[in-house]
Protein backbone atom coordinates (compact mmCIF):
# COMPACT_ATOMS: atom_id res chain seq x y z
CA MET A 1 -31.70 52.37 -76.76
CA GLU A 2 -32.61 48.77 -76.03
CA LEU A 3 -30.26 45.87 -76.69
CA LYS A 4 -32.27 42.86 -77.75
CA GLY A 5 -30.83 39.38 -78.06
CA ILE A 6 -27.70 40.19 -76.08
CA THR A 7 -26.99 38.10 -73.02
CA ARG A 8 -24.37 39.44 -70.68
CA GLU A 9 -22.18 37.28 -68.49
CA TRP A 10 -21.15 39.09 -65.36
CA ASP A 11 -19.13 36.24 -63.91
CA SER A 12 -16.94 35.27 -66.86
CA LEU A 13 -13.68 35.62 -64.88
CA LYS A 14 -15.06 33.43 -62.10
CA LYS A 15 -16.14 30.78 -64.64
CA ASP A 16 -12.74 30.92 -66.37
CA ALA A 17 -10.88 30.47 -63.07
CA ALA A 18 -13.11 27.53 -62.16
CA ALA A 19 -12.55 25.91 -65.57
CA ARG A 20 -8.78 26.30 -65.26
CA ALA A 21 -8.82 24.85 -61.73
CA ALA A 22 -10.86 21.90 -63.00
CA SER A 23 -8.40 21.29 -65.84
CA ALA A 24 -5.52 21.37 -63.32
CA ALA A 25 -7.19 18.99 -60.87
CA PRO A 26 -5.89 15.73 -62.43
CA TYR A 27 -2.29 16.87 -61.91
CA VAL A 28 -2.55 18.19 -58.35
CA LYS A 29 -1.98 15.78 -55.46
CA GLU A 30 -2.68 16.54 -51.80
CA GLY A 31 -2.85 20.27 -51.19
CA LYS A 32 -0.88 21.97 -53.94
CA ILE A 33 1.70 19.29 -54.76
CA VAL A 34 2.38 18.43 -58.41
CA ASP A 35 4.73 15.65 -59.51
CA ALA A 36 7.67 16.90 -61.58
CA LYS A 37 6.60 14.65 -64.48
CA ASP A 38 3.21 16.46 -64.55
CA ALA A 39 4.55 20.02 -64.39
CA VAL A 40 4.49 20.69 -68.14
CA ALA A 41 1.03 19.14 -68.53
CA LEU A 42 -0.25 21.29 -65.67
CA LEU A 43 1.12 24.46 -67.27
CA GLU A 44 -0.40 23.49 -70.61
CA ALA A 45 -3.75 22.92 -68.91
CA VAL A 46 -3.95 26.26 -67.13
CA ILE A 47 -2.09 28.70 -69.41
CA LYS A 48 -4.21 29.69 -72.39
CA PRO A 49 -3.24 31.55 -75.59
CA GLY A 50 -3.05 35.27 -74.92
CA ASP A 51 -2.22 34.87 -71.22
CA LYS A 52 0.66 36.87 -69.84
CA VAL A 53 3.12 34.88 -67.72
CA ASN A 54 5.34 36.68 -65.24
CA ILE A 55 8.10 34.89 -63.36
CA GLU A 56 8.84 36.80 -60.18
CA GLY A 57 12.29 37.20 -58.78
CA ASN A 58 15.66 36.19 -60.12
CA ASN A 59 15.19 32.44 -60.28
CA GLN A 60 17.33 30.92 -62.99
CA LYS A 61 15.95 27.44 -62.27
CA GLN A 62 12.44 28.53 -63.29
CA ALA A 63 13.71 30.17 -66.45
CA ASP A 64 15.78 27.13 -67.38
CA PHE A 65 12.82 24.81 -66.76
CA LEU A 66 10.47 26.83 -68.97
CA ALA A 67 13.13 27.14 -71.68
CA LYS A 68 13.66 23.35 -71.70
CA THR A 69 9.95 22.69 -72.19
CA GLY A 70 10.25 24.27 -75.62
CA ARG A 71 6.84 25.87 -75.31
CA SER A 72 6.01 29.35 -76.43
CA TRP A 73 2.78 30.40 -74.82
């Protein structure tokens, strides 16, 4: 069976990661530093609908911060 007209992308995850890194670039300073005022914008830029977000550890500060943003990804 021959599949005509179908183009396969074998590097879709690589392209997605590069696109997310590019969308995060305006918020990232030297190295991996992000100003606190840009934190929500950075998260909105890199987290897409359908993504699963896992917060590791027992860090109440992270949970409080995400709860205060009022976002439901």
